[in-house]
Amino acid sequence: MKKKIIIAISIIIAVVLLFPSRTVLKDGGTVKYTALLYSITKYHRLAPMSSGSGYDEGISIKILGLEIFNNFKESHEQQNSNDVQNSNQTDNDTNNINSQNSNLQAMEGKVKNSFVGTILEETTTYMIVQPNEDEEERKEYEKIKVSYGTDHKDYLYGIGRKVIINYTEKIVPPTNKQIAENKEYDCIIEPYAHIITDDILINGYEDFKLSVKNSNKNKAVKILNNTELYKDYSDYNLYYYGLDEVNITIENKTMSLEEALRSGKMTLGGLIIKANKDYPDAEILKDGGSIEYHYPDYTIIKLHTVTGNRDIYIGSKSLQIEDCK
């Protein structure tokens, strides 16, 4: 009898020591498994300004409180190194946003103008952009040099990327001398117009309204791939489900979401960033971290499955996660 009791107690102790409790954090889906002898953390955090999947991931393992493995830290260190080389550093993008917020406070009382442009050339202190053809600035200037007034030191935005330039000072046109020199030397000297601003948005306009038109057919229709918008974006698709139209209203102008994305007025990353702000307590599913955002007239689902699916679905109110697979 005593032997059975000892065995039972041993089993109970083993369960307490070895079998963990499971906790899901509200940082984007991080899961912690905690036992007395060890803990395992599977990180799945929402990245504050990501142009890719929008998540930071990794695993940490601790035994008796001592960390024996952590590729979350290592992946971030490698990411920082790669981002410097690839001109796409997430942490510095966040710093840039903070700088933008400071600039916006300094701009109070001044008229703020903005335009979307494609980066043609850049250094850490300036970029050369070509305004979109539908922008007022394009009617006067083919290219504009944007000086930051600061040195970004170790990050760039990425040539070919569309950005939004906010500015309060007037654009300075090229001088007659610059134009003359440009003609004389056959474009060796470019007569750029010039502005100074560090208020640059990389995820499109933040203030927009999305509206939908329902379809009679509940089926998924692929709209585009994220790399079609910018080659360095993460590779995933945008689908509409049970909808004929998805429209966006920006600055009192309404256009299709596809048009807004292709023109650079919006990004899919910006769409999810706004959804996270609108529904900070949105349910994180147990399929790897997918999230559903249920608006009054439509549903957005950002897939993040263990099989690697990162697609985005915009659908009618009845859209469910099962419809996306």
C-alpha atoms as a PDB file:
ATOM      1  CA  MET A   1       0.000   0.000   0.000  1.00  0.00           C
ATOM      2  CA  LYS A   2       2.810   2.372   0.930  1.00  0.00           C
ATOM      3  CA  LYS A   3       4.492   1.572  -2.398  1.00  0.00           C
ATOM      4  CA  LYS A   4       1.353   2.624  -4.303  1.00  0.00           C
ATOM      5  CA  ILE A   5       1.169   5.857  -2.330  1.00  0.00           C
ATOM      6  CA  ILE A   6       4.808   6.613  -3.092  1.00  0.00           C
ATOM      7  CA  ILE A   7       4.227   5.932  -6.794  1.00  0.00           C
ATOM      8  CA  ALA A   8       1.136   8.183  -6.798  1.00  0.00           C
ATOM      9  CA  ILE A   9       3.020  10.981  -5.052  1.00  0.00           C
ATOM     10  CA  SER A  10       5.907  10.582  -7.523  1.00  0.00           C
ATOM     11  CA  ILE A  11       3.514  10.892 -10.448  1.00  0.00           C
ATOM     12  CA  ILE A  12       1.941  14.013  -8.943  1.00  0.00           C
ATOM     13  CA  ILE A  13       5.363  15.574  -8.405  1.00  0.00           C
ATOM     14  CA  ALA A  14       6.387  14.710 -11.979  1.00  0.00           C
ATOM     15  CA  VAL A  15       3.233  16.301 -13.327  1.00  0.00           C
ATOM     16  CA  VAL A  16       3.818  19.477 -11.328  1.00  0.00           C
ATOM     17  CA  LEU A  17       7.482  19.653 -12.329  1.00  0.00           C
ATOM     18  CA  LEU A  18       7.238  18.628 -15.974  1.00  0.00           C
ATOM     19  CA  PHE A  19       3.769  19.449 -17.290  1.00  0.00           C
ATOM     20  CA  PRO A  20       3.362  23.183 -18.066  1.00  0.00           C
ATOM     21  CA  SER A  21       0.486  25.612 -17.889  1.00  0.00           C
ATOM     22  CA  ARG A  22      -0.343  27.484 -21.100  1.00  0.00           C
ATOM     23  CA  THR A  23      -0.778  31.277 -21.291  1.00  0.00           C
ATOM     24  CA  VAL A  24      -1.573  33.339 -24.418  1.00  0.00           C
ATOM     25  CA  LEU A  25      -0.376  36.945 -24.251  1.00  0.00           C
ATOM     26  CA  LYS A  26      -2.130  39.895 -25.885  1.00  0.00           C
ATOM     27  CA  ASP A  27       0.953  41.111 -27.758  1.00  0.00           C
ATOM     28  CA  GLY A  28      -0.106  39.445 -30.973  1.00  0.00           C
ATOM     29  CA  GLY A  29      -0.294  35.813 -29.913  1.00  0.00           C
ATOM     30  CA  THR A  30       2.821  34.937 -27.873  1.00  0.00           C
ATOM     31  CA  VAL A  31       2.284  31.639 -26.027  1.00  0.00           C
ATOM     32  CA  LYS A  32       4.082  30.740 -22.755  1.00  0.00           C
ATOM     33  CA  TYR A  33       4.337  27.175 -21.419  1.00  0.00           C
ATOM     34  CA  THR A  34       5.429  27.307 -17.771  1.00  0.00           C
ATOM     35  CA  ALA A  35       6.396  24.450 -15.454  1.00  0.00           C
ATOM     36  CA  LEU A  36       8.438  24.482 -12.254  1.00  0.00           C
ATOM     37  CA  LEU A  37      11.532  23.086 -13.942  1.00  0.00           C
ATOM     38  CA  TYR A  38      11.353  24.904 -17.253  1.00  0.00           C
ATOM     39  CA  SER A  39       9.499  27.403 -19.436  1.00  0.00           C
ATOM     40  CA  ILE A  40       9.080  27.715 -23.190  1.00  0.00           C
ATOM     41  CA  THR A  41       7.995  30.962 -24.840  1.00  0.00           C
ATOM     42  CA  LYS A  42       6.825  30.931 -28.449  1.00  0.00           C
ATOM     43  CA  TYR A  43       6.986  34.605 -29.440  1.00  0.00           C
ATOM     44  CA  HIS A  44       4.426  35.988 -31.875  1.00  0.00           C
ATOM     45  CA  ARG A  45       4.385  39.748 -31.408  1.00  0.00           C
ATOM     46  CA  LEU A  46       2.766  42.367 -33.581  1.00  0.00           C
ATOM     47  CA  ALA A  47       5.557  44.438 -35.125  1.00  0.00           C
ATOM     48  CA  PRO A  48       4.936  48.195 -34.610  1.00  0.00           C
ATOM     49  CA  MET A  49       5.837  49.096 -38.189  1.00  0.00           C
ATOM     50  CA  SER A  50       6.379  46.151 -40.399  1.00  0.00           C
ATOM     51  CA  SER A  51       6.266  46.191 -44.179  1.00  0.00           C
ATOM     52  CA  GLY A  52       6.112  42.453 -44.199  1.00  0.00           C
ATOM     53  CA  SER A  53       3.978  39.937 -42.332  1.00  0.00           C
ATOM     54  CA  GLY A  54       3.512  42.316 -39.396  1.00  0.00           C
ATOM     55  CA  TYR A  55       4.822  39.903 -36.730  1.00  0.00           C
ATOM     56  CA  ASP A  56       8.080  39.247 -34.839  1.00  0.00           C
ATOM     57  CA  GLU A  57       8.585  35.566 -34.033  1.00  0.00           C
ATOM     58  CA  GLY A  58      10.960  33.224 -32.218  1.00  0.00           C
ATOM     59  CA  ILE A  59      11.357  30.720 -29.375  1.00  0.00           C
ATOM     60  CA  SER A  60      12.965  31.017 -25.912  1.00  0.00           C
ATOM     61  CA  ILE A  61      13.691  28.015 -23.635  1.00  0.00           C
ATOM     62  CA  LYS A  62      14.656  28.295 -19.956  1.00  0.00           C
ATOM     63  CA  ILE A  63      15.572  25.482 -17.538  1.00  0.00           C
ATOM     64  CA  LEU A  64      15.607  26.313 -13.826  1.00  0.00           C
ATOM     65  CA  GLY A  65      15.463  29.988 -14.779  1.00  0.00           C
ATOM     66  CA  LEU A  66      18.541  29.818 -17.020  1.00  0.00           C
ATOM     67  CA  GLU A  67      18.006  30.585 -20.705  1.00  0.00           C
ATOM     68  CA  ILE A  68      19.539  27.860 -22.861  1.00  0.00           C
ATOM     69  CA  PHE A  69      18.038  28.850 -26.227  1.00  0.00           C
ATOM     70  CA  ASN A  70      16.648  32.054 -27.721  1.00  0.00           C
ATOM     71  CA  ASN A  71      16.412  32.509 -31.471  1.00  0.00           C
ATOM     72  CA  PHE A  72      13.995  35.388 -30.967  1.00  0.00           C
ATOM     73  CA  LYS A  73      16.859  37.589 -29.788  1.00  0.00           C
ATOM     74  CA  GLU A  74      19.215  36.207 -32.431  1.00  0.00           C
ATOM     75  CA  SER A  75      16.717  36.671 -35.254  1.00  0.00           C
ATOM     76  CA  HIS A  76      16.216  40.288 -34.226  1.00  0.00           C
ATOM     77  CA  GLU A  77      19.949  40.921 -34.169  1.00  0.00           C
ATOM     78  CA  GLN A  78      20.250  39.367 -37.613  1.00  0.00           C
ATOM     79  CA  GLN A  79      17.214  41.320 -38.798  1.00  0.00           C
ATOM     80  CA  ASN A  80      18.793  44.589 -37.684  1.00  0.00           C
ATOM     81  CA  SER A  81      21.954  43.714 -39.613  1.00  0.00           C
ATOM     82  CA  ASN A  82      20.013  42.712 -42.710  1.00  0.00           C
ATOM     83  CA  ASP A  83      17.773  45.762 -42.499  1.00  0.00           C
ATOM     84  CA  VAL A  84      20.781  48.073 -42.589  1.00  0.00           C
ATOM     85  CA  GLN A  85      22.015  46.306 -45.704  1.00  0.00           C
ATOM     86  CA  ASN A  86      18.586  46.146 -47.332  1.00  0.00           C
ATOM     87  CA  SER A  87      17.498  49.644 -46.346  1.00  0.00           C
ATOM     88  CA  ASN A  88      14.443  48.368 -44.540  1.00  0.00           C
ATOM     89  CA  GLN A  89      15.088  48.483 -40.786  1.00  0.00           C
ATOM     90  CA  THR A  90      11.921  48.061 -38.751  1.00  0.00           C
ATOM     91  CA  ASP A  91      13.237  49.602 -35.543  1.00  0.00           C
ATOM     92  CA  ASN A  92      14.411  52.703 -37.348  1.00  0.00           C
ATOM     93  CA  ASP A  93      11.092  52.944 -39.169  1.00  0.00           C
ATOM     94  CA  THR A  94       9.547  53.180 -35.712  1.00  0.00           C
ATOM     95  CA  ASN A  95      12.060  55.879 -34.751  1.00  0.00           C
ATOM     96  CA  ASN A  96      11.132  57.682 -37.943  1.00  0.00           C
ATOM     97  CA  ILE A  97       7.475  57.598 -36.918  1.00  0.00           C
ATOM     98  CA  ASN A  98       8.394  59.117 -33.565  1.00  0.00           C
ATOM     99  CA  SER A  99      10.325  61.791 -35.422  1.00  0.00           C
ATOM    100  CA  GLN A 100       7.304  62.367 -37.640  1.00  0.00           C
ATOM    101  CA  ASN A 101       5.091  62.834 -34.587  1.00  0.00           C
ATOM    102  CA  SER A 102       7.502  65.447 -33.215  1.00  0.00           C
ATOM    103  CA  ASN A 103       7.513  67.202 -36.559  1.00  0.00           C
ATOM    104  CA  LEU A 104       3.727  67.167 -36.681  1.00  0.00           C
ATOM    105  CA  GLN A 105       3.583  68.899 -33.301  1.00  0.00           C
ATOM    106  CA  ALA A 106       6.027  71.522 -34.550  1.00  0.00           C
ATOM    107  CA  MET A 107       3.857  72.046 -37.627  1.00  0.00           C
ATOM    108  CA  GLU A 108       0.772  73.120 -35.699  1.00  0.00           C
ATOM    109  CA  GLY A 109      -0.616  76.309 -37.127  1.00  0.00           C
ATOM    110  CA  LYS A 110       0.952  75.691 -40.544  1.00  0.00           C
ATOM    111  CA  VAL A 111      -0.753  74.337 -43.646  1.00  0.00           C
ATOM    112  CA  LYS A 112       0.352  70.777 -44.319  1.00  0.00           C
ATOM    113  CA  ASN A 113       0.518  69.536 -47.893  1.00  0.00           C
ATOM    114  CA  SER A 114       1.172  65.979 -48.989  1.00  0.00           C
ATOM    115  CA  PHE A 115       1.768  63.884 -52.081  1.00  0.00           C
ATOM    116  CA  VAL A 116       2.600  60.293 -52.985  1.00  0.00           C
ATOM    117  CA  GLY A 117       5.866  59.721 -54.786  1.00  0.00           C
ATOM    118  CA  THR A 118       8.174  56.913 -55.891  1.00  0.00           C
ATOM    119  CA  ILE A 119      11.729  56.906 -54.547  1.00  0.00           C
ATOM    120  CA  LEU A 120      14.204  57.106 -57.425  1.00  0.00           C
ATOM    121  CA  GLU A 121      17.387  57.760 -55.452  1.00  0.00           C
ATOM    122  CA  GLU A 122      18.274  58.129 -51.783  1.00  0.00           C
ATOM    123  CA  THR A 123      20.971  58.584 -49.178  1.00  0.00           C
ATOM    124  CA  THR A 124      20.657  58.842 -45.407  1.00  0.00           C
ATOM    125  CA  THR A 125      20.102  62.617 -45.684  1.00  0.00           C
ATOM    126  CA  TYR A 126      17.830  62.997 -48.723  1.00  0.00           C
ATOM    127  CA  MET A 127      15.774  61.216 -51.361  1.00  0.00           C
ATOM    128  CA  ILE A 128      14.780  62.017 -54.947  1.00  0.00           C
ATOM    129  CA  VAL A 129      11.118  61.233 -55.595  1.00  0.00           C
ATOM    130  CA  GLN A 130       8.841  61.365 -58.595  1.00  0.00           C
ATOM    131  CA  PRO A 131       5.307  62.442 -57.627  1.00  0.00           C
ATOM    132  CA  ASN A 132       2.437  60.278 -58.883  1.00  0.00           C
ATOM    133  CA  GLU A 133       0.916  61.541 -62.106  1.00  0.00           C
ATOM    134  CA  ASP A 134      -2.351  62.479 -60.357  1.00  0.00           C
ATOM    135  CA  GLU A 135      -0.593  64.689 -57.787  1.00  0.00           C
ATOM    136  CA  GLU A 136      -0.628  68.474 -58.112  1.00  0.00           C
ATOM    137  CA  GLU A 137       3.126  68.573 -57.516  1.00  0.00           C
ATOM    138  CA  ARG A 138       3.671  66.471 -60.666  1.00  0.00           C
ATOM    139  CA  LYS A 139       2.101  69.200 -62.801  1.00  0.00           C
ATOM    140  CA  GLU A 140       5.049  71.465 -61.960  1.00  0.00           C
ATOM    141  CA  TYR A 141       7.899  69.126 -61.072  1.00  0.00           C
ATOM    142  CA  GLU A 142       9.018  65.856 -62.620  1.00  0.00           C
ATOM    143  CA  LYS A 143      11.310  65.119 -59.673  1.00  0.00           C
ATOM    144  CA  ILE A 144      11.674  66.584 -56.190  1.00  0.00           C
ATOM    145  CA  LYS A 145      14.642  66.389 -53.847  1.00  0.00           C
ATOM    146  CA  VAL A 146      13.462  65.835 -50.267  1.00  0.00           C
ATOM    147  CA  SER A 147      16.098  66.747 -47.665  1.00  0.00           C
ATOM    148  CA  TYR A 148      15.407  65.412 -44.174  1.00  0.00           C
ATOM    149  CA  GLY A 149      17.325  67.996 -42.182  1.00  0.00           C
ATOM    150  CA  THR A 150      18.729  65.062 -40.186  1.00  0.00           C
ATOM    151  CA  ASP A 151      20.942  62.070 -40.944  1.00  0.00           C
ATOM    152  CA  HIS A 152      19.132  58.752 -40.770  1.00  0.00           C
ATOM    153  CA  LYS A 153      22.580  57.159 -40.395  1.00  0.00           C
ATOM    154  CA  ASP A 154      21.837  53.480 -40.799  1.00  0.00           C
ATOM    155  CA  TYR A 155      18.599  53.026 -42.677  1.00  0.00           C
ATOM    156  CA  LEU A 156      16.992  53.859 -46.002  1.00  0.00           C
ATOM    157  CA  TYR A 157      13.421  53.571 -47.283  1.00  0.00           C
ATOM    158  CA  GLY A 158      14.102  51.543 -50.444  1.00  0.00           C
ATOM    159  CA  ILE A 159      14.384  52.591 -54.088  1.00  0.00           C
ATOM    160  CA  GLY A 160      11.148  51.891 -55.943  1.00  0.00           C
ATOM    161  CA  ARG A 161       9.008  52.237 -52.842  1.00  0.00           C
ATOM    162  CA  LYS A 162       6.047  54.595 -52.758  1.00  0.00           C
ATOM    163  CA  VAL A 163       5.974  56.980 -49.801  1.00  0.00           C
ATOM    164  CA  ILE A 164       3.820  59.883 -48.672  1.00  0.00           C
ATOM    165  CA  ILE A 165       5.675  63.177 -48.295  1.00  0.00           C
ATOM    166  CA  ASN A 166       4.104  65.635 -45.842  1.00  0.00           C
ATOM    167  CA  TYR A 167       5.484  69.166 -45.938  1.00  0.00           C
ATOM    168  CA  THR A 168       4.642  72.690 -44.791  1.00  0.00           C
ATOM    169  CA  GLU A 169       7.324  74.760 -46.509  1.00  0.00           C
ATOM    170  CA  LYS A 170       7.033  75.790 -50.142  1.00  0.00           C
ATOM    171  CA  ILE A 171       8.739  73.698 -52.786  1.00  0.00           C
ATOM    172  CA  VAL A 172      11.735  75.608 -54.135  1.00  0.00           C
ATOM    173  CA  PRO A 173      11.899  75.355 -57.945  1.00  0.00           C
ATOM    174  CA  PRO A 174      15.235  74.898 -59.756  1.00  0.00           C
ATOM    175  CA  THR A 175      17.046  78.110 -60.720  1.00  0.00           C
ATOM    176  CA  ASN A 176      17.448  79.273 -64.282  1.00  0.00           C
ATOM    177  CA  LYS A 177      21.157  78.529 -63.933  1.00  0.00           C
ATOM    178  CA  GLN A 178      20.441  74.937 -62.940  1.00  0.00           C
ATOM    179  CA  ILE A 179      18.105  74.518 -65.883  1.00  0.00           C
ATOM    180  CA  ALA A 180      20.679  76.024 -68.251  1.00  0.00           C
ATOM    181  CA  GLU A 181      23.444  73.810 -66.890  1.00  0.00           C
ATOM    182  CA  ASN A 182      21.172  70.798 -67.224  1.00  0.00           C
ATOM    183  CA  LYS A 183      20.635  71.514 -70.922  1.00  0.00           C
ATOM    184  CA  GLU A 184      24.279  72.339 -71.542  1.00  0.00           C
ATOM    185  CA  TYR A 185      25.632  69.196 -69.941  1.00  0.00           C
ATOM    186  CA  ASP A 186      22.976  66.857 -71.245  1.00  0.00           C
ATOM    187  CA  CYS A 187      21.349  65.988 -67.919  1.00  0.00           C
ATOM    188  CA  ILE A 188      24.594  65.510 -65.974  1.00  0.00           C
ATOM    189  CA  ILE A 189      23.241  68.116 -63.570  1.00  0.00           C
ATOM    190  CA  GLU A 190      19.608  67.472 -62.619  1.00  0.00           C
ATOM    191  CA  PRO A 191      17.512  70.612 -61.980  1.00  0.00           C
ATOM    192  CA  TYR A 192      15.588  69.243 -58.987  1.00  0.00           C
ATOM    193  CA  ALA A 193      12.952  71.155 -57.120  1.00  0.00           C
ATOM    194  CA  HIS A 194      13.652  71.016 -53.390  1.00  0.00           C
ATOM    195  CA  ILE A 195      11.826  70.741 -50.059  1.00  0.00           C
ATOM    196  CA  ILE A 196      12.945  70.030 -46.504  1.00  0.00           C
ATOM    197  CA  THR A 197      10.843  67.627 -44.420  1.00  0.00           C
ATOM    198  CA  ASP A 198      11.272  64.534 -42.295  1.00  0.00           C
ATOM    199  CA  ASP A 199       7.544  63.772 -42.169  1.00  0.00           C
ATOM    200  CA  ILE A 200       7.412  60.705 -44.427  1.00  0.00           C
ATOM    201  CA  LEU A 201       4.841  57.911 -44.212  1.00  0.00           C
ATOM    202  CA  ILE A 202       5.672  54.403 -45.422  1.00  0.00           C
ATOM    203  CA  ASN A 203       2.312  52.694 -44.829  1.00  0.00           C
ATOM    204  CA  GLY A 204       0.002  55.026 -46.705  1.00  0.00           C
ATOM    205  CA  TYR A 205      -2.486  57.535 -45.364  1.00  0.00           C
ATOM    206  CA  GLU A 206      -3.535  56.681 -41.834  1.00  0.00           C
ATOM    207  CA  ASP A 207      -6.973  58.330 -41.983  1.00  0.00           C
ATOM    208  CA  PHE A 208      -9.223  56.425 -44.375  1.00  0.00           C
ATOM    209  CA  LYS A 209     -12.657  54.837 -44.489  1.00  0.00           C
ATOM    210  CA  LEU A 210     -13.347  51.427 -46.030  1.00  0.00           C
ATOM    211  CA  SER A 211     -16.730  50.486 -47.515  1.00  0.00           C
ATOM    212  CA  VAL A 212     -17.934  47.361 -49.316  1.00  0.00           C
ATOM    213  CA  LYS A 213     -20.603  46.195 -51.755  1.00  0.00           C
ATOM    214  CA  ASN A 214     -21.831  42.649 -51.109  1.00  0.00           C
ATOM    215  CA  SER A 215     -22.032  40.001 -53.820  1.00  0.00           C
ATOM    216  CA  ASN A 216     -24.621  37.293 -54.402  1.00  0.00           C
ATOM    217  CA  LYS A 217     -21.833  34.704 -54.547  1.00  0.00           C
ATOM    218  CA  ASN A 218     -19.815  33.618 -51.538  1.00  0.00           C
ATOM    219  CA  LYS A 219     -16.466  32.877 -53.120  1.00  0.00           C
ATOM    220  CA  ALA A 220     -12.895  34.086 -52.773  1.00  0.00           C
ATOM    221  CA  VAL A 221     -11.421  36.262 -55.519  1.00  0.00           C
ATOM    222  CA  LYS A 222      -7.700  37.031 -55.578  1.00  0.00           C
ATOM    223  CA  ILE A 223      -7.063  40.765 -56.059  1.00  0.00           C
ATOM    224  CA  LEU A 224      -3.269  41.048 -55.949  1.00  0.00           C
ATOM    225  CA  ASN A 225      -0.050  39.831 -54.374  1.00  0.00           C
ATOM    226  CA  ASN A 226       1.742  42.101 -51.903  1.00  0.00           C
ATOM    227  CA  THR A 227       4.986  41.985 -53.917  1.00  0.00           C
ATOM    228  CA  GLU A 228       3.157  43.582 -56.850  1.00  0.00           C
ATOM    229  CA  LEU A 229       3.016  46.770 -54.776  1.00  0.00           C
ATOM    230  CA  TYR A 230       6.703  46.763 -53.839  1.00  0.00           C
ATOM    231  CA  LYS A 231       9.144  43.945 -54.587  1.00  0.00           C
ATOM    232  CA  ASP A 232      10.613  43.912 -51.064  1.00  0.00           C
ATOM    233  CA  TYR A 233       7.258  43.382 -49.351  1.00  0.00           C
ATOM    234  CA  SER A 234       6.384  39.951 -47.951  1.00  0.00           C
ATOM    235  CA  ASP A 235       4.836  37.470 -50.369  1.00  0.00           C
ATOM    236  CA  TYR A 236       1.137  37.042 -49.561  1.00  0.00           C
ATOM    237  CA  ASN A 237      -2.191  37.596 -51.321  1.00  0.00           C
ATOM    238  CA  LEU A 238      -5.230  39.828 -50.867  1.00  0.00           C
ATOM    239  CA  TYR A 239      -8.623  38.188 -51.410  1.00  0.00           C
ATOM    240  CA  TYR A 240     -12.193  39.470 -51.433  1.00  0.00           C
ATOM    241  CA  TYR A 241     -14.866  37.052 -50.245  1.00  0.00           C
ATOM    242  CA  GLY A 242     -18.562  37.531 -51.026  1.00  0.00           C
ATOM    243  CA  LEU A 243     -17.960  41.099 -52.196  1.00  0.00           C
ATOM    244  CA  ASP A 244     -18.300  42.883 -55.539  1.00  0.00           C
ATOM    245  CA  GLU A 245     -16.457  46.024 -54.454  1.00  0.00           C
ATOM    246  CA  VAL A 246     -14.168  47.310 -51.729  1.00  0.00           C
ATOM    247  CA  ASN A 247     -13.694  51.080 -51.769  1.00  0.00           C
ATOM    248  CA  ILE A 248     -11.537  53.494 -49.808  1.00  0.00           C
ATOM    249  CA  THR A 249     -12.230  57.156 -49.050  1.00  0.00           C
ATOM    250  CA  ILE A 250      -9.116  59.256 -48.429  1.00  0.00           C
ATOM    251  CA  GLU A 251      -9.231  63.036 -48.073  1.00  0.00           C
ATOM    252  CA  ASN A 252     -12.833  63.098 -49.363  1.00  0.00           C
ATOM    253  CA  LYS A 253     -11.885  61.148 -52.504  1.00  0.00           C
ATOM    254  CA  THR A 254     -13.286  57.642 -53.024  1.00  0.00           C
ATOM    255  CA  MET A 255     -11.516  54.981 -55.085  1.00  0.00           C
ATOM    256  CA  SER A 256     -11.238  51.203 -55.157  1.00  0.00           C
ATOM    257  CA  LEU A 257      -8.977  49.634 -52.557  1.00  0.00           C
ATOM    258  CA  GLU A 258      -6.907  48.080 -55.341  1.00  0.00           C
ATOM    259  CA  GLU A 259      -6.339  51.520 -56.897  1.00  0.00           C
ATOM    260  CA  ALA A 260      -5.380  52.969 -53.520  1.00  0.00           C
ATOM    261  CA  LEU A 261      -2.900  50.140 -52.924  1.00  0.00           C
ATOM    262  CA  ARG A 262      -1.293  50.323 -56.358  1.00  0.00           C
ATOM    263  CA  SER A 263      -0.985  54.114 -56.175  1.00  0.00           C
ATOM    264  CA  GLY A 264       0.713  54.001 -52.782  1.00  0.00           C
ATOM    265  CA  LYS A 265      -2.037  55.891 -50.966  1.00  0.00           C
ATOM    266  CA  MET A 266      -2.458  52.753 -48.851  1.00  0.00           C
ATOM    267  CA  THR A 267      -0.579  49.564 -48.013  1.00  0.00           C
ATOM    268  CA  LEU A 268      -1.832  46.230 -46.749  1.00  0.00           C
ATOM    269  CA  GLY A 269       0.391  46.720 -43.727  1.00  0.00           C
ATOM    270  CA  GLY A 270      -1.358  50.029 -43.064  1.00  0.00           C
ATOM    271  CA  LEU A 271      -4.744  48.317 -43.381  1.00  0.00           C
ATOM    272  CA  ILE A 272      -3.834  45.823 -40.642  1.00  0.00           C
ATOM    273  CA  ILE A 273      -2.248  48.507 -38.461  1.00  0.00           C
ATOM    274  CA  LYS A 274      -5.554  50.420 -38.497  1.00  0.00           C
ATOM    275  CA  ALA A 275      -7.522  47.218 -37.813  1.00  0.00           C
ATOM    276  CA  ASN A 276      -5.342  46.586 -34.756  1.00  0.00           C
ATOM    277  CA  LYS A 277      -6.080  50.111 -33.535  1.00  0.00           C
ATOM    278  CA  ASP A 278      -9.816  49.729 -34.188  1.00  0.00           C
ATOM    279  CA  TYR A 279      -9.977  46.337 -32.435  1.00  0.00           C
ATOM    280  CA  PRO A 280      -7.064  46.052 -29.975  1.00  0.00           C
ATOM    281  CA  ASP A 281      -8.768  43.094 -28.265  1.00  0.00           C
ATOM    282  CA  ALA A 282      -9.485  41.145 -31.455  1.00  0.00           C
ATOM    283  CA  GLU A 283      -9.399  37.397 -30.908  1.00  0.00           C
ATOM    284  CA  ILE A 284      -6.164  35.644 -31.807  1.00  0.00           C
ATOM    285  CA  LEU A 285      -6.925  32.185 -33.153  1.00  0.00           C
ATOM    286  CA  LYS A 286      -5.094  29.025 -32.171  1.00  0.00           C
ATOM    287  CA  ASP A 287      -4.072  28.135 -35.746  1.00  0.00           C
ATOM    288  CA  GLY A 288      -0.756  29.952 -35.383  1.00  0.00           C
ATOM    289  CA  GLY A 289      -1.941  33.497 -34.770  1.00  0.00           C
ATOM    290  CA  SER A 290      -4.618  34.438 -37.326  1.00  0.00           C
ATOM    291  CA  ILE A 291      -6.784  37.401 -36.310  1.00  0.00           C
ATOM    292  CA  GLU A 292     -10.372  38.302 -37.208  1.00  0.00           C
ATOM    293  CA  TYR A 293     -11.563  41.919 -37.234  1.00  0.00           C
ATOM    294  CA  HIS A 294     -15.374  42.117 -37.292  1.00  0.00           C
ATOM    295  CA  TYR A 295     -16.600  45.525 -38.451  1.00  0.00           C
ATOM    296  CA  PRO A 296     -20.324  46.356 -38.637  1.00  0.00           C
ATOM    297  CA  ASP A 297     -20.472  45.937 -42.437  1.00  0.00           C
ATOM    298  CA  TYR A 298     -17.555  43.646 -43.243  1.00  0.00           C
ATOM    299  CA  THR A 299     -14.881  41.357 -41.824  1.00  0.00           C
ATOM    300  CA  ILE A 300     -11.100  41.402 -42.254  1.00  0.00           C
ATOM    301  CA  ILE A 301      -9.117  38.238 -41.561  1.00  0.00           C
ATOM    302  CA  LYS A 302      -5.309  38.289 -41.405  1.00  0.00           C
ATOM    303  CA  LEU A 303      -4.133  34.707 -41.662  1.00  0.00           C
ATOM    304  CA  HIS A 304      -1.064  33.589 -39.784  1.00  0.00           C
ATOM    305  CA  THR A 305      -1.155  29.798 -39.735  1.00  0.00           C
ATOM    306  CA  VAL A 306       1.425  27.221 -38.691  1.00  0.00           C
ATOM    307  CA  THR A 307       1.565  26.138 -42.347  1.00  0.00           C
ATOM    308  CA  GLY A 308       2.833  29.569 -43.378  1.00  0.00           C
ATOM    309  CA  ASN A 309      -0.334  31.128 -44.836  1.00  0.00           C
ATOM    310  CA  ARG A 310      -0.164  34.932 -44.423  1.00  0.00           C
ATOM    311  CA  ASP A 311      -2.979  35.985 -46.787  1.00  0.00           C
ATOM    312  CA  ILE A 312      -5.495  38.753 -46.056  1.00  0.00           C
ATOM    313  CA  TYR A 313      -9.233  38.330 -46.678  1.00  0.00           C
ATOM    314  CA  ILE A 314     -11.823  41.104 -46.771  1.00  0.00           C
ATOM    315  CA  GLY A 315     -15.346  39.774 -46.841  1.00  0.00           C
ATOM    316  CA  SER A 316     -18.966  40.182 -45.865  1.00  0.00           C
ATOM    317  CA  LYS A 317     -20.083  40.117 -42.231  1.00  0.00           C
ATOM    318  CA  SER A 318     -20.587  36.361 -42.487  1.00  0.00           C
ATOM    319  CA  LEU A 319     -16.953  35.637 -43.434  1.00  0.00           C
ATOM    320  CA  GLN A 320     -15.442  32.962 -41.189  1.00  0.00           C
ATOM    321  CA  ILE A 321     -11.910  31.634 -40.843  1.00  0.00           C
ATOM    322  CA  GLU A 322     -13.027  28.354 -42.478  1.00  0.00           C
ATOM    323  CA  ASP A 323     -13.876  30.280 -45.667  1.00  0.00           C
ATOM    324  CA  CYS A 324     -10.226  31.326 -46.015  1.00  0.00           C
ATOM    325  CA  LYS A 325      -8.744  27.862 -46.217  1.00  0.00           C
END
